[in-house]
Amino acid sequence: DAVLELLDSTQTQQMIHGHTHRPAIHSLTNGKRRIVVGDWYEQGSMLCVSQDNIELIELPFGK
């Protein structure tokens, strides 16, 4: 998997990116994570980051 190769080659545990249609936190092997914050077309999203946790919060747009 290209994401795991990138994380391993950069000695990184997490990758955060956006502009996809499926916001989510994906758990990978060895405790690594890929965090997708969404595309902002139909809703916004934000990450709430603390020392112990990362939470993805979806922000629906008012219609």
Protein backbone atom coordinates (compact mmCIF):
# COMPACT_ATOMS: atom_id res chain seq x y z
CA ASP A 1 0.00 0.00 0.00
CA ALA A 2 1.43 3.38 -1.03
CA VAL A 3 0.30 5.14 2.16
CA LEU A 4 2.10 2.64 4.40
CA GLU A 5 5.23 2.89 2.25
CA LEU A 6 5.19 6.68 2.59
CA LEU A 7 4.64 6.56 6.36
CA ASP A 8 7.41 3.99 6.78
CA SER A 9 9.88 5.86 4.56
CA THR A 10 9.30 9.11 6.47
CA GLN A 11 9.13 7.43 9.91
CA THR A 12 5.68 8.96 10.40
CA GLN A 13 2.71 7.54 12.31
CA GLN A 14 -0.08 9.60 10.72
CA MET A 15 -0.99 11.27 7.46
CA ILE A 16 -3.67 13.97 7.35
CA HIS A 17 -5.13 14.98 4.00
CA GLY A 18 -8.31 16.29 2.47
CA HIS A 19 -10.23 16.77 -0.73
CA THR A 20 -11.81 13.35 -0.97
CA HIS A 21 -15.48 12.49 -0.71
CA ARG A 22 -15.09 10.15 2.29
CA PRO A 23 -13.94 11.83 5.51
CA ALA A 24 -12.77 9.21 8.00
CA ILE A 25 -9.98 8.05 10.27
CA HIS A 26 -8.46 4.88 8.84
CA SER A 27 -6.49 2.63 11.20
CA LEU A 28 -3.56 1.00 9.44
CA THR A 29 -0.97 -1.52 10.60
CA ASN A 30 1.44 -0.86 13.47
CA GLY A 31 -0.78 1.85 14.99
CA LYS A 32 -0.49 4.12 11.96
CA ARG A 33 -3.43 6.22 10.73
CA ARG A 34 -4.60 7.97 7.59
CA ILE A 35 -6.94 10.84 8.43
CA VAL A 36 -9.15 12.28 5.69
CA VAL A 37 -10.85 15.60 6.43
CA GLY A 38 -13.19 15.70 3.42
CA ASP A 39 -13.79 17.95 0.44
CA TRP A 40 -16.02 20.80 1.74
CA TYR A 41 -18.63 20.40 -1.03
CA GLU A 42 -21.56 19.20 1.06
CA GLN A 43 -20.12 19.53 4.56
CA GLY A 44 -17.07 20.78 6.36
CA SER A 45 -14.93 18.87 8.78
CA MET A 46 -12.32 19.57 11.40
CA LEU A 47 -9.94 17.65 13.59
CA CYS A 48 -9.97 18.01 17.34
CA VAL A 49 -6.46 17.02 18.44
CA SER A 50 -5.32 16.38 21.98
CA GLN A 51 -2.27 14.65 23.38
CA ASP A 52 -4.21 11.39 23.66
CA ASN A 53 -6.76 11.49 20.84
CA ILE A 54 -7.75 12.73 17.40
CA GLU A 55 -11.46 13.19 16.66
CA LEU A 56 -12.92 13.96 13.24
CA ILE A 57 -15.92 16.28 13.53
CA GLU A 58 -18.27 16.77 10.58
CA LEU A 59 -19.82 20.21 10.07
CA PRO A 60 -22.99 20.02 7.94
CA PHE A 61 -23.71 23.12 5.87
CA GLY A 62 -27.08 24.79 6.53
CA LYS A 63 -29.55 24.52 3.69
